[in-house]
Amino acid sequence: MDETVSEFFRRTILKIPMTEMMTILKTWNFLSENQLQTVNFRQRKESLVQDLVLLCEENRASLKDAALLDIIYTQFHRHQKVWDVFQMSKGPGEDIDLFDMEQFKSSFKKILKRALKNVTVSFRDAEENAVWIRIAWGTQYRKPNQYKPAYVVYYSQTPYAFTSSSQLKSNLPLLGQALTIASKHHQIVKMDLRSRYLDSLKAIVFKQYNQTFETHNSTTPLQERSLGLDINMDSRIIHENKIEKERVQRVTQEIFGDYPQPRLEFAQYKLETKFKSDLNGGILAEREEPLRCLVKFSSPHLLEALKSLAPAGIADAPLSPLLTCIPNKGMNYFKIRDK
């Protein structure tokens, strides 16, 4: 094992939290149980990493083995990356072909290698017929940078692929071409959807967010829920408040459902409009360029935050469709222009 691969192992193991070290190493399944038992996992991390790298050298570990360990680490920490969604489509009249995962991997790798000599491509199969792809990009004159890889998660026999945002934007067309050809599609487009939460993006595009896998008091009739009313209030006010709160709860449930929302951190709206006025003249009236405005809503859990606005009395029910359509449209980037 040369120094480059040894350093790659050292830096990969070093970023694994101590609390997850044994779990990730066992998932990797490169070091035997007997080898792991010889390691003192209570020593200082630097010493532990050195011991593990020596074991990797004993087993003659390769760059491929190190890349696989990095994939596993990234699967455990997928929320540390920002994920974009790409949607592919078949050509007119094209039938759905039988899918072979090994053929997909071989085709994908060949396309990248044919176009770019210095590139490292690694795969790891995952649950739900998914494959994780790790791509370390190089150039015609530089070796692949193993410390800034791009990741792709592709679910077989679906038109969707999820990619981690890459600094090398120039390689996106090549990546799109490889995905399209290898998965036997005709074209690919980037969706206006992005998040750190890969599982939520998957739930949105596969329309899985409305599954009642977890409920919030859904078995309790609405009239039995606590409405937080002051018992000393006038009975007429109580009656009106109760009716309004029931309406808000009903409308909110109709729009958002009674299940957890997919997790997104923001929604962004770009507005472009021409200045309009009944008054003649003025600087803005003569402006050729449209007026532009950007509004961004941010929250650790945006959709749940939006869902709580009306019941909390912060906003009227129903909310604007521009806010409630995010899961159905599969978008959290919007451009609003004059009709």
C-alpha atoms as a PDB file:
ATOM      1  CA  MET A   1       0.000   0.000   0.000  1.00  0.00           C
ATOM      2  CA  ASP A   2       1.654   3.219  -1.144  1.00  0.00           C
ATOM      3  CA  GLU A   3       1.784   6.436   0.873  1.00  0.00           C
ATOM      4  CA  THR A   4      -1.063   8.067  -1.054  1.00  0.00           C
ATOM      5  CA  VAL A   5      -3.505   5.263  -0.236  1.00  0.00           C
ATOM      6  CA  SER A   6      -2.202   5.053   3.346  1.00  0.00           C
ATOM      7  CA  GLU A   7      -2.848   8.779   3.847  1.00  0.00           C
ATOM      8  CA  PHE A   8      -6.309   8.422   2.312  1.00  0.00           C
ATOM      9  CA  PHE A   9      -7.101   5.680   4.842  1.00  0.00           C
ATOM     10  CA  ARG A  10      -5.711   7.760   7.708  1.00  0.00           C
ATOM     11  CA  ARG A  11      -7.811  10.814   6.851  1.00  0.00           C
ATOM     12  CA  THR A  12     -10.944   8.751   6.223  1.00  0.00           C
ATOM     13  CA  ILE A  13     -10.708   6.894   9.537  1.00  0.00           C
ATOM     14  CA  LEU A  14      -9.804  10.092  11.375  1.00  0.00           C
ATOM     15  CA  LYS A  15     -13.130  11.746  10.467  1.00  0.00           C
ATOM     16  CA  ILE A  16     -15.191   8.826  11.803  1.00  0.00           C
ATOM     17  CA  PRO A  17     -16.616   9.680  15.272  1.00  0.00           C
ATOM     18  CA  MET A  18     -15.372   7.360  18.015  1.00  0.00           C
ATOM     19  CA  THR A  19     -18.940   6.418  18.910  1.00  0.00           C
ATOM     20  CA  GLU A  20     -19.479   5.092  15.371  1.00  0.00           C
ATOM     21  CA  MET A  21     -16.038   3.627  14.720  1.00  0.00           C
ATOM     22  CA  MET A  22     -16.826  -0.022  15.439  1.00  0.00           C
ATOM     23  CA  THR A  23     -20.197   0.107  13.651  1.00  0.00           C
ATOM     24  CA  ILE A  24     -18.708   1.584  10.470  1.00  0.00           C
ATOM     25  CA  LEU A  25     -15.711  -0.784  10.477  1.00  0.00           C
ATOM     26  CA  LYS A  26     -17.984  -3.796  10.860  1.00  0.00           C
ATOM     27  CA  THR A  27     -20.205  -2.535   8.051  1.00  0.00           C
ATOM     28  CA  TRP A  28     -17.095  -2.134   5.909  1.00  0.00           C
ATOM     29  CA  ASN A  29     -16.236  -5.777   6.673  1.00  0.00           C
ATOM     30  CA  PHE A  30     -12.635  -5.478   5.467  1.00  0.00           C
ATOM     31  CA  LEU A  31     -10.931  -6.154   8.785  1.00  0.00           C
ATOM     32  CA  SER A  32     -11.722  -9.471  10.418  1.00  0.00           C
ATOM     33  CA  GLU A  33     -13.359  -9.834  13.819  1.00  0.00           C
ATOM     34  CA  ASN A  34     -10.081 -11.178  15.217  1.00  0.00           C
ATOM     35  CA  GLN A  35      -8.154  -8.174  13.904  1.00  0.00           C
ATOM     36  CA  LEU A  36     -10.644  -5.739  15.420  1.00  0.00           C
ATOM     37  CA  GLN A  37     -10.343  -7.478  18.801  1.00  0.00           C
ATOM     38  CA  THR A  38      -6.613  -6.755  18.851  1.00  0.00           C
ATOM     39  CA  VAL A  39      -7.240  -3.018  18.642  1.00  0.00           C
ATOM     40  CA  ASN A  40      -7.578  -0.836  21.730  1.00  0.00           C
ATOM     41  CA  PHE A  41     -10.549   1.410  20.936  1.00  0.00           C
ATOM     42  CA  ARG A  42     -10.100   3.349  24.198  1.00  0.00           C
ATOM     43  CA  GLN A  43      -6.752   4.879  23.307  1.00  0.00           C
ATOM     44  CA  ARG A  44      -6.214   8.344  21.846  1.00  0.00           C
ATOM     45  CA  LYS A  45      -7.778   8.664  18.413  1.00  0.00           C
ATOM     46  CA  GLU A  46      -4.491   9.403  16.610  1.00  0.00           C
ATOM     47  CA  SER A  47      -2.992   6.168  17.985  1.00  0.00           C
ATOM     48  CA  LEU A  48      -6.134   4.210  17.142  1.00  0.00           C
ATOM     49  CA  VAL A  49      -6.070   5.482  13.567  1.00  0.00           C
ATOM     50  CA  GLN A  50      -2.420   4.460  13.208  1.00  0.00           C
ATOM     51  CA  ASP A  51      -3.194   0.924  14.450  1.00  0.00           C
ATOM     52  CA  LEU A  52      -6.086   0.589  12.006  1.00  0.00           C
ATOM     53  CA  VAL A  53      -4.002   1.839   9.074  1.00  0.00           C
ATOM     54  CA  LEU A  54      -1.325  -0.776   9.919  1.00  0.00           C
ATOM     55  CA  LEU A  55      -4.003  -3.495   9.820  1.00  0.00           C
ATOM     56  CA  CYS A  56      -5.148  -2.204   6.442  1.00  0.00           C
ATOM     57  CA  GLU A  57      -1.549  -2.425   5.210  1.00  0.00           C
ATOM     58  CA  GLU A  58      -1.326  -6.014   6.495  1.00  0.00           C
ATOM     59  CA  ASN A  59      -4.424  -6.877   4.466  1.00  0.00           C
ATOM     60  CA  ARG A  60      -2.958  -5.151   1.405  1.00  0.00           C
ATOM     61  CA  ALA A  61      -5.800  -2.699   1.177  1.00  0.00           C
ATOM     62  CA  SER A  62      -6.276  -0.856  -2.097  1.00  0.00           C
ATOM     63  CA  LEU A  63      -7.676   2.484  -3.173  1.00  0.00           C
ATOM     64  CA  LYS A  64     -10.927   0.674  -3.950  1.00  0.00           C
ATOM     65  CA  ASP A  65     -11.164  -0.510  -0.327  1.00  0.00           C
ATOM     66  CA  ALA A  66     -10.528   3.018   0.972  1.00  0.00           C
ATOM     67  CA  ALA A  67     -13.179   4.455  -1.362  1.00  0.00           C
ATOM     68  CA  LEU A  68     -15.697   1.888  -0.089  1.00  0.00           C
ATOM     69  CA  LEU A  69     -14.977   2.925   3.511  1.00  0.00           C
ATOM     70  CA  ASP A  70     -15.538   6.557   2.510  1.00  0.00           C
ATOM     71  CA  ILE A  71     -18.889   5.637   0.916  1.00  0.00           C
ATOM     72  CA  ILE A  72     -20.012   3.929   4.123  1.00  0.00           C
ATOM     73  CA  TYR A  73     -18.980   6.944   6.197  1.00  0.00           C
ATOM     74  CA  THR A  74     -20.929   9.219   3.845  1.00  0.00           C
ATOM     75  CA  GLN A  75     -24.008   6.992   4.078  1.00  0.00           C
ATOM     76  CA  PHE A  76     -23.913   7.415   7.850  1.00  0.00           C
ATOM     77  CA  HIS A  77     -23.443  11.191   7.481  1.00  0.00           C
ATOM     78  CA  ARG A  78     -25.438  11.925   4.347  1.00  0.00           C
ATOM     79  CA  HIS A  79     -26.962  15.040   5.969  1.00  0.00           C
ATOM     80  CA  GLN A  80     -23.551  16.724   5.864  1.00  0.00           C
ATOM     81  CA  LYS A  81     -23.930  17.146   2.110  1.00  0.00           C
ATOM     82  CA  VAL A  82     -26.376  19.181   0.043  1.00  0.00           C
ATOM     83  CA  TRP A  83     -28.268  16.991  -2.436  1.00  0.00           C
ATOM     84  CA  ASP A  84     -29.695  17.945  -5.819  1.00  0.00           C
ATOM     85  CA  VAL A  85     -32.311  15.920  -7.690  1.00  0.00           C
ATOM     86  CA  PHE A  86     -32.111  14.984 -11.371  1.00  0.00           C
ATOM     87  CA  GLN A  87     -35.027  13.586 -13.344  1.00  0.00           C
ATOM     88  CA  MET A  88     -34.575  11.483 -16.469  1.00  0.00           C
ATOM     89  CA  SER A  89     -37.083  10.609 -19.155  1.00  0.00           C
ATOM     90  CA  LYS A  90     -37.510   8.161 -22.010  1.00  0.00           C
ATOM     91  CA  GLY A  91     -37.842   9.199 -25.625  1.00  0.00           C
ATOM     92  CA  PRO A  92     -41.242   9.164 -27.392  1.00  0.00           C
ATOM     93  CA  GLY A  93     -42.466   5.602 -27.799  1.00  0.00           C
ATOM     94  CA  GLU A  94     -39.538   4.071 -25.907  1.00  0.00           C
ATOM     95  CA  ASP A  95     -40.383   1.015 -23.843  1.00  0.00           C
ATOM     96  CA  ILE A  96     -39.151   0.281 -20.340  1.00  0.00           C
ATOM     97  CA  ASP A  97     -36.136  -2.041 -20.646  1.00  0.00           C
ATOM     98  CA  LEU A  98     -35.165  -4.799 -18.262  1.00  0.00           C
ATOM     99  CA  PHE A  99     -32.659  -3.347 -15.831  1.00  0.00           C
ATOM    100  CA  ASP A 100     -29.409  -5.012 -14.900  1.00  0.00           C
ATOM    101  CA  MET A 101     -27.479  -3.312 -12.085  1.00  0.00           C
ATOM    102  CA  GLU A 102     -24.106  -4.767 -13.047  1.00  0.00           C
ATOM    103  CA  GLN A 103     -24.576  -3.622 -16.618  1.00  0.00           C
ATOM    104  CA  PHE A 104     -25.500  -0.142 -15.348  1.00  0.00           C
ATOM    105  CA  LYS A 105     -22.310   0.058 -13.265  1.00  0.00           C
ATOM    106  CA  SER A 106     -20.116  -1.138 -16.127  1.00  0.00           C
ATOM    107  CA  SER A 107     -21.673   1.265 -18.631  1.00  0.00           C
ATOM    108  CA  PHE A 108     -21.533   4.234 -16.230  1.00  0.00           C
ATOM    109  CA  LYS A 109     -17.860   3.662 -15.457  1.00  0.00           C
ATOM    110  CA  LYS A 110     -16.870   3.152 -19.107  1.00  0.00           C
ATOM    111  CA  ILE A 111     -18.527   6.405 -20.179  1.00  0.00           C
ATOM    112  CA  LEU A 112     -16.634   8.423 -17.562  1.00  0.00           C
ATOM    113  CA  LYS A 113     -13.326   6.648 -18.208  1.00  0.00           C
ATOM    114  CA  ARG A 114     -13.670   7.125 -21.959  1.00  0.00           C
ATOM    115  CA  ALA A 115     -14.173  10.869 -21.572  1.00  0.00           C
ATOM    116  CA  LEU A 116     -11.749  11.458 -18.706  1.00  0.00           C
ATOM    117  CA  LYS A 117      -8.670   9.336 -18.085  1.00  0.00           C
ATOM    118  CA  ASN A 118      -8.105  10.491 -14.510  1.00  0.00           C
ATOM    119  CA  VAL A 119     -11.301   9.574 -12.674  1.00  0.00           C
ATOM    120  CA  THR A 120     -12.022   7.049  -9.907  1.00  0.00           C
ATOM    121  CA  VAL A 121     -15.484   5.470  -9.783  1.00  0.00           C
ATOM    122  CA  SER A 122     -16.642   3.274  -6.889  1.00  0.00           C
ATOM    123  CA  PHE A 123     -20.001   1.632  -6.155  1.00  0.00           C
ATOM    124  CA  ARG A 124     -21.853   0.276  -3.156  1.00  0.00           C
ATOM    125  CA  ASP A 125     -25.259  -1.383  -3.335  1.00  0.00           C
ATOM    126  CA  ALA A 126     -27.819  -0.183  -0.806  1.00  0.00           C
ATOM    127  CA  GLU A 127     -31.385  -0.872   0.259  1.00  0.00           C
ATOM    128  CA  GLU A 128     -34.416  -0.444  -2.034  1.00  0.00           C
ATOM    129  CA  ASN A 129     -32.448  -1.370  -5.183  1.00  0.00           C
ATOM    130  CA  ALA A 130     -30.281   1.728  -4.825  1.00  0.00           C
ATOM    131  CA  VAL A 131     -26.623   2.099  -5.694  1.00  0.00           C
ATOM    132  CA  TRP A 132     -24.285   4.698  -4.193  1.00  0.00           C
ATOM    133  CA  ILE A 133     -21.673   5.977  -6.615  1.00  0.00           C
ATOM    134  CA  ARG A 134     -18.525   7.792  -5.526  1.00  0.00           C
ATOM    135  CA  ILE A 135     -16.675   9.800  -8.169  1.00  0.00           C
ATOM    136  CA  ALA A 136     -13.255  11.329  -7.547  1.00  0.00           C
ATOM    137  CA  TRP A 137     -12.661  13.745 -10.422  1.00  0.00           C
ATOM    138  CA  GLY A 138      -9.296  14.477 -11.945  1.00  0.00           C
ATOM    139  CA  THR A 139      -8.307  16.259 -15.141  1.00  0.00           C
ATOM    140  CA  GLN A 140      -6.378  15.215 -18.213  1.00  0.00           C
ATOM    141  CA  TYR A 141      -3.199  16.212 -16.368  1.00  0.00           C
ATOM    142  CA  ARG A 142      -4.030  15.704 -12.670  1.00  0.00           C
ATOM    143  CA  LYS A 143      -4.863  12.574 -10.715  1.00  0.00           C
ATOM    144  CA  PRO A 144      -8.313  12.277  -9.097  1.00  0.00           C
ATOM    145  CA  ASN A 145      -8.806  14.289  -5.915  1.00  0.00           C
ATOM    146  CA  GLN A 146      -9.948  11.658  -3.417  1.00  0.00           C
ATOM    147  CA  TYR A 147     -10.786  14.281  -0.788  1.00  0.00           C
ATOM    148  CA  LYS A 148     -13.454  16.135  -2.784  1.00  0.00           C
ATOM    149  CA  PRO A 149     -15.541  13.388  -4.388  1.00  0.00           C
ATOM    150  CA  ALA A 150     -19.021  13.713  -5.826  1.00  0.00           C
ATOM    151  CA  TYR A 151     -21.728  11.273  -4.812  1.00  0.00           C
ATOM    152  CA  VAL A 152     -24.656   9.934  -6.797  1.00  0.00           C
ATOM    153  CA  VAL A 153     -27.500   7.821  -5.414  1.00  0.00           C
ATOM    154  CA  TYR A 154     -29.508   6.092  -8.127  1.00  0.00           C
ATOM    155  CA  TYR A 155     -32.600   3.957  -7.576  1.00  0.00           C
ATOM    156  CA  SER A 156     -32.819   1.315 -10.288  1.00  0.00           C
ATOM    157  CA  GLN A 157     -35.750   1.408 -12.713  1.00  0.00           C
ATOM    158  CA  THR A 158     -36.697   4.929 -11.637  1.00  0.00           C
ATOM    159  CA  PRO A 159     -36.069   8.222 -13.456  1.00  0.00           C
ATOM    160  CA  TYR A 160     -34.467   9.882 -10.412  1.00  0.00           C
ATOM    161  CA  ALA A 161     -30.871  10.352  -9.309  1.00  0.00           C
ATOM    162  CA  PHE A 162     -29.639  12.331  -6.304  1.00  0.00           C
ATOM    163  CA  THR A 163     -26.238  14.004  -6.478  1.00  0.00           C
ATOM    164  CA  SER A 164     -24.165  15.790  -3.871  1.00  0.00           C
ATOM    165  CA  SER A 165     -23.277  19.302  -4.910  1.00  0.00           C
ATOM    166  CA  SER A 166     -19.851  19.322  -6.539  1.00  0.00           C
ATOM    167  CA  GLN A 167     -17.365  22.141  -6.865  1.00  0.00           C
ATOM    168  CA  LEU A 168     -16.529  20.932 -10.380  1.00  0.00           C
ATOM    169  CA  LYS A 169     -19.625  22.196 -12.186  1.00  0.00           C
ATOM    170  CA  SER A 170     -17.900  21.588 -15.519  1.00  0.00           C
ATOM    171  CA  ASN A 171     -18.258  17.819 -15.004  1.00  0.00           C
ATOM    172  CA  LEU A 172     -22.041  17.928 -14.567  1.00  0.00           C
ATOM    173  CA  PRO A 173     -22.807  17.429 -18.299  1.00  0.00           C
ATOM    174  CA  LEU A 174     -20.551  14.354 -18.381  1.00  0.00           C
ATOM    175  CA  LEU A 175     -22.149  12.996 -15.215  1.00  0.00           C
ATOM    176  CA  GLY A 176     -25.624  13.545 -16.679  1.00  0.00           C
ATOM    177  CA  GLN A 177     -24.634  11.803 -19.903  1.00  0.00           C
ATOM    178  CA  ALA A 178     -23.272   8.789 -18.017  1.00  0.00           C
ATOM    179  CA  LEU A 179     -26.440   8.494 -15.902  1.00  0.00           C
ATOM    180  CA  THR A 180     -28.749   8.849 -18.891  1.00  0.00           C
ATOM    181  CA  ILE A 181     -27.022   6.304 -21.108  1.00  0.00           C
ATOM    182  CA  ALA A 182     -26.275   3.760 -18.373  1.00  0.00           C
ATOM    183  CA  SER A 183     -29.886   3.806 -17.096  1.00  0.00           C
ATOM    184  CA  LYS A 184     -31.233   3.695 -20.688  1.00  0.00           C
ATOM    185  CA  HIS A 185     -33.015   7.022 -20.619  1.00  0.00           C
ATOM    186  CA  HIS A 186     -33.193   9.699 -23.288  1.00  0.00           C
ATOM    187  CA  GLN A 187     -32.580  12.990 -21.448  1.00  0.00           C
ATOM    188  CA  ILE A 188     -31.969  14.406 -17.973  1.00  0.00           C
ATOM    189  CA  VAL A 189     -32.916  17.665 -16.253  1.00  0.00           C
ATOM    190  CA  LYS A 190     -32.064  19.143 -12.878  1.00  0.00           C
ATOM    191  CA  MET A 191     -35.126  19.667 -10.679  1.00  0.00           C
ATOM    192  CA  ASP A 192     -35.671  22.827  -8.607  1.00  0.00           C
ATOM    193  CA  LEU A 193     -35.341  20.777  -5.439  1.00  0.00           C
ATOM    194  CA  ARG A 194     -32.467  20.661  -2.963  1.00  0.00           C
ATOM    195  CA  SER A 195     -31.913  19.645   0.655  1.00  0.00           C
ATOM    196  CA  ARG A 196     -29.452  18.102   3.079  1.00  0.00           C
ATOM    197  CA  TYR A 197     -32.000  15.408   3.878  1.00  0.00           C
ATOM    198  CA  LEU A 198     -31.704  12.753   1.194  1.00  0.00           C
ATOM    199  CA  ASP A 199     -34.509  10.593   2.609  1.00  0.00           C
ATOM    200  CA  SER A 200     -36.918  13.543   2.480  1.00  0.00           C
ATOM    201  CA  LEU A 201     -36.017  14.294  -1.139  1.00  0.00           C
ATOM    202  CA  LYS A 202     -36.645  10.651  -1.969  1.00  0.00           C
ATOM    203  CA  ALA A 203     -40.003  10.765  -0.167  1.00  0.00           C
ATOM    204  CA  ILE A 204     -41.034  13.842  -2.170  1.00  0.00           C
ATOM    205  CA  VAL A 205     -40.134  12.599  -5.656  1.00  0.00           C
ATOM    206  CA  PHE A 206     -41.454   9.083  -5.002  1.00  0.00           C
ATOM    207  CA  LYS A 207     -44.625  10.503  -3.396  1.00  0.00           C
ATOM    208  CA  GLN A 208     -44.004   8.574  -0.173  1.00  0.00           C
ATOM    209  CA  TYR A 209     -44.503  11.505   2.200  1.00  0.00           C
ATOM    210  CA  ASN A 210     -48.236  10.834   2.658  1.00  0.00           C
ATOM    211  CA  GLN A 211     -47.770   7.406   4.193  1.00  0.00           C
ATOM    212  CA  THR A 212     -49.299   7.250   7.671  1.00  0.00           C
ATOM    213  CA  PHE A 213     -46.229   5.553   9.180  1.00  0.00           C
ATOM    214  CA  GLU A 214     -46.444   7.960  12.097  1.00  0.00           C
ATOM    215  CA  THR A 215     -49.528   9.810  13.272  1.00  0.00           C
ATOM    216  CA  HIS A 216     -50.079  12.768  15.541  1.00  0.00           C
ATOM    217  CA  ASN A 217     -53.289  12.187  17.564  1.00  0.00           C
ATOM    218  CA  SER A 218     -54.984  11.050  14.358  1.00  0.00           C
ATOM    219  CA  THR A 219     -57.256   8.675  16.298  1.00  0.00           C
ATOM    220  CA  THR A 220     -58.527  11.462  18.539  1.00  0.00           C
ATOM    221  CA  PRO A 221     -61.666  13.174  17.204  1.00  0.00           C
ATOM    222  CA  LEU A 222     -61.132  16.853  16.495  1.00  0.00           C
ATOM    223  CA  GLN A 223     -63.755  17.948  18.995  1.00  0.00           C
ATOM    224  CA  GLU A 224     -61.943  16.045  21.763  1.00  0.00           C
ATOM    225  CA  ARG A 225     -58.619  17.793  21.206  1.00  0.00           C
ATOM    226  CA  SER A 226     -57.564  20.527  23.587  1.00  0.00           C
ATOM    227  CA  LEU A 227     -58.240  23.918  22.058  1.00  0.00           C
ATOM    228  CA  GLY A 228     -56.574  25.850  24.864  1.00  0.00           C
ATOM    229  CA  LEU A 229     -59.641  27.975  25.737  1.00  0.00           C
ATOM    230  CA  ASP A 230     -60.075  30.002  28.924  1.00  0.00           C
ATOM    231  CA  ILE A 231     -63.008  28.541  30.886  1.00  0.00           C
ATOM    232  CA  ASN A 232     -63.838  32.028  32.234  1.00  0.00           C
ATOM    233  CA  MET A 233     -64.519  33.398  28.737  1.00  0.00           C
ATOM    234  CA  ASP A 234     -67.976  34.414  27.570  1.00  0.00           C
ATOM    235  CA  SER A 235     -69.705  31.265  26.212  1.00  0.00           C
ATOM    236  CA  ARG A 236     -70.398  32.985  22.870  1.00  0.00           C
ATOM    237  CA  ILE A 237     -66.702  33.796  22.393  1.00  0.00           C
ATOM    238  CA  ILE A 238     -65.776  30.237  23.343  1.00  0.00           C
ATOM    239  CA  HIS A 239     -68.229  28.919  20.737  1.00  0.00           C
ATOM    240  CA  GLU A 240     -66.864  31.171  17.991  1.00  0.00           C
ATOM    241  CA  ASN A 241     -63.243  30.378  18.886  1.00  0.00           C
ATOM    242  CA  LYS A 242     -63.962  26.659  18.924  1.00  0.00           C
ATOM    243  CA  ILE A 243     -65.597  26.756  15.485  1.00  0.00           C
ATOM    244  CA  GLU A 244     -62.717  28.789  14.027  1.00  0.00           C
ATOM    245  CA  LYS A 245     -60.052  26.568  15.582  1.00  0.00           C
ATOM    246  CA  GLU A 246     -61.811  23.468  14.284  1.00  0.00           C
ATOM    247  CA  ARG A 247     -61.897  25.035  10.816  1.00  0.00           C
ATOM    248  CA  VAL A 248     -58.189  25.854  10.957  1.00  0.00           C
ATOM    249  CA  GLN A 249     -57.337  22.342  12.129  1.00  0.00           C
ATOM    250  CA  ARG A 250     -59.483  20.806   9.401  1.00  0.00           C
ATOM    251  CA  VAL A 251     -58.026  22.969   6.618  1.00  0.00           C
ATOM    252  CA  THR A 252     -54.471  22.374   7.836  1.00  0.00           C
ATOM    253  CA  GLN A 253     -55.009  18.631   7.940  1.00  0.00           C
ATOM    254  CA  GLU A 254     -56.544  18.624   4.456  1.00  0.00           C
ATOM    255  CA  ILE A 255     -53.493  20.437   3.060  1.00  0.00           C
ATOM    256  CA  PHE A 256     -50.637  18.853   5.001  1.00  0.00           C
ATOM    257  CA  GLY A 257     -52.162  15.576   6.120  1.00  0.00           C
ATOM    258  CA  ASP A 258     -51.813  14.054   9.568  1.00  0.00           C
ATOM    259  CA  TYR A 259     -48.321  12.661   9.123  1.00  0.00           C
ATOM    260  CA  PRO A 260     -44.742  13.938   9.444  1.00  0.00           C
ATOM    261  CA  GLN A 261     -43.629  16.261   6.662  1.00  0.00           C
ATOM    262  CA  PRO A 262     -40.497  15.716   4.534  1.00  0.00           C
ATOM    263  CA  ARG A 263     -37.590  17.696   5.917  1.00  0.00           C
ATOM    264  CA  LEU A 264     -36.440  20.708   3.905  1.00  0.00           C
ATOM    265  CA  GLU A 265     -34.440  23.646   5.229  1.00  0.00           C
ATOM    266  CA  PHE A 266     -35.619  26.391   2.894  1.00  0.00           C
ATOM    267  CA  ALA A 267     -37.833  27.531   0.032  1.00  0.00           C
ATOM    268  CA  GLN A 268     -36.695  30.286  -2.308  1.00  0.00           C
ATOM    269  CA  TYR A 269     -38.888  32.511  -4.489  1.00  0.00           C
ATOM    270  CA  LYS A 270     -37.558  34.788  -7.248  1.00  0.00           C
ATOM    271  CA  LEU A 271     -39.983  37.425  -8.480  1.00  0.00           C
ATOM    272  CA  GLU A 272     -39.608  39.242 -11.802  1.00  0.00           C
ATOM    273  CA  THR A 273     -42.219  41.827 -12.748  1.00  0.00           C
ATOM    274  CA  LYS A 274     -42.543  44.937 -14.880  1.00  0.00           C
ATOM    275  CA  PHE A 275     -43.422  48.174 -13.112  1.00  0.00           C
ATOM    276  CA  LYS A 276     -47.067  49.043 -13.711  1.00  0.00           C
ATOM    277  CA  SER A 277     -48.746  52.355 -12.939  1.00  0.00           C
ATOM    278  CA  ASP A 278     -51.748  54.361 -14.092  1.00  0.00           C
ATOM    279  CA  LEU A 279     -49.641  57.508 -13.775  1.00  0.00           C
ATOM    280  CA  ASN A 280     -47.629  58.594 -16.790  1.00  0.00           C
ATOM    281  CA  GLY A 281     -43.917  59.199 -16.607  1.00  0.00           C
ATOM    282  CA  GLY A 282     -41.532  58.442 -13.810  1.00  0.00           C
ATOM    283  CA  ILE A 283     -38.186  56.693 -13.710  1.00  0.00           C
ATOM    284  CA  LEU A 284     -39.606  53.221 -13.039  1.00  0.00           C
ATOM    285  CA  ALA A 285     -42.199  53.516 -15.832  1.00  0.00           C
ATOM    286  CA  GLU A 286     -39.375  53.931 -18.354  1.00  0.00           C
ATOM    287  CA  ARG A 287     -37.364  51.005 -17.009  1.00  0.00           C
ATOM    288  CA  GLU A 288     -36.931  48.200 -19.532  1.00  0.00           C
ATOM    289  CA  GLU A 289     -35.502  45.654 -17.093  1.00  0.00           C
ATOM    290  CA  PRO A 290     -38.025  43.918 -14.798  1.00  0.00           C
ATOM    291  CA  LEU A 291     -37.951  44.519 -11.060  1.00  0.00           C
ATOM    292  CA  ARG A 292     -36.414  41.563  -9.253  1.00  0.00           C
ATOM    293  CA  CYS A 293     -36.949  40.383  -5.703  1.00  0.00           C
ATOM    294  CA  LEU A 294     -35.806  37.277  -3.849  1.00  0.00           C
ATOM    295  CA  VAL A 295     -37.628  35.889  -0.797  1.00  0.00           C
ATOM    296  CA  LYS A 296     -36.240  32.954   1.156  1.00  0.00           C
ATOM    297  CA  PHE A 297     -37.997  31.058   3.958  1.00  0.00           C
ATOM    298  CA  SER A 298     -35.600  29.136   6.207  1.00  0.00           C
ATOM    299  CA  SER A 299     -36.148  26.745   9.086  1.00  0.00           C
ATOM    300  CA  PRO A 300     -34.543  23.582  10.451  1.00  0.00           C
ATOM    301  CA  HIS A 301     -37.807  21.873   9.388  1.00  0.00           C
ATOM    302  CA  LEU A 302     -39.588  24.227   6.996  1.00  0.00           C
ATOM    303  CA  LEU A 303     -42.691  22.192   6.106  1.00  0.00           C
ATOM    304  CA  GLU A 304     -43.486  21.383   9.734  1.00  0.00           C
ATOM    305  CA  ALA A 305     -43.007  25.080  10.542  1.00  0.00           C
ATOM    306  CA  LEU A 306     -45.425  26.078   7.762  1.00  0.00           C
ATOM    307  CA  LYS A 307     -47.886  23.455   8.953  1.00  0.00           C
ATOM    308  CA  SER A 308     -47.909  24.990  12.444  1.00  0.00           C
ATOM    309  CA  LEU A 309     -48.449  28.626  11.370  1.00  0.00           C
ATOM    310  CA  ALA A 310     -52.238  28.674  11.089  1.00  0.00           C
ATOM    311  CA  PRO A 311     -52.974  26.548  14.205  1.00  0.00           C
ATOM    312  CA  ALA A 312     -50.655  28.861  16.168  1.00  0.00           C
ATOM    313  CA  GLY A 313     -52.590  31.894  14.957  1.00  0.00           C
ATOM    314  CA  ILE A 314     -49.575  33.361  13.149  1.00  0.00           C
ATOM    315  CA  ALA A 315     -51.139  33.090   9.666  1.00  0.00           C
ATOM    316  CA  ASP A 316     -54.587  32.700   8.167  1.00  0.00           C
ATOM    317  CA  ALA A 317     -55.784  29.330   6.897  1.00  0.00           C
ATOM    318  CA  PRO A 318     -55.341  28.203   4.242  1.00  0.00           C
ATOM    319  CA  LEU A 319     -51.783  29.303   3.533  1.00  0.00           C
ATOM    320  CA  SER A 320     -50.789  30.503   0.078  1.00  0.00           C
ATOM    321  CA  PRO A 321     -50.505  27.672  -2.476  1.00  0.00           C
ATOM    322  CA  LEU A 322     -46.977  28.897  -3.170  1.00  0.00           C
ATOM    323  CA  LEU A 323     -46.060  27.640   0.307  1.00  0.00           C
ATOM    324  CA  THR A 324     -48.205  24.513   0.468  1.00  0.00           C
ATOM    325  CA  CYS A 325     -47.412  23.142  -3.013  1.00  0.00           C
ATOM    326  CA  ILE A 326     -43.755  22.359  -2.273  1.00  0.00           C
ATOM    327  CA  PRO A 327     -44.094  18.554  -1.762  1.00  0.00           C
ATOM    328  CA  ASN A 328     -46.636  18.051  -4.561  1.00  0.00           C
ATOM    329  CA  LYS A 329     -44.652  20.045  -7.113  1.00  0.00           C
ATOM    330  CA  GLY A 330     -41.330  18.632  -5.922  1.00  0.00           C
ATOM    331  CA  MET A 331     -39.788  22.114  -5.804  1.00  0.00           C
ATOM    332  CA  ASN A 332     -38.284  24.466  -3.289  1.00  0.00           C
ATOM    333  CA  TYR A 333     -36.909  26.925  -5.866  1.00  0.00           C
ATOM    334  CA  PHE A 334     -39.594  29.034  -7.569  1.00  0.00           C
ATOM    335  CA  LYS A 335     -39.483  31.702 -10.272  1.00  0.00           C
ATOM    336  CA  ILE A 336     -42.538  33.953 -10.420  1.00  0.00           C
ATOM    337  CA  ARG A 337     -42.975  36.049 -13.555  1.00  0.00           C
ATOM    338  CA  ASP A 338     -45.722  38.164 -15.121  1.00  0.00           C
ATOM    339  CA  LYS A 339     -48.252  36.194 -17.120  1.00  0.00           C
END
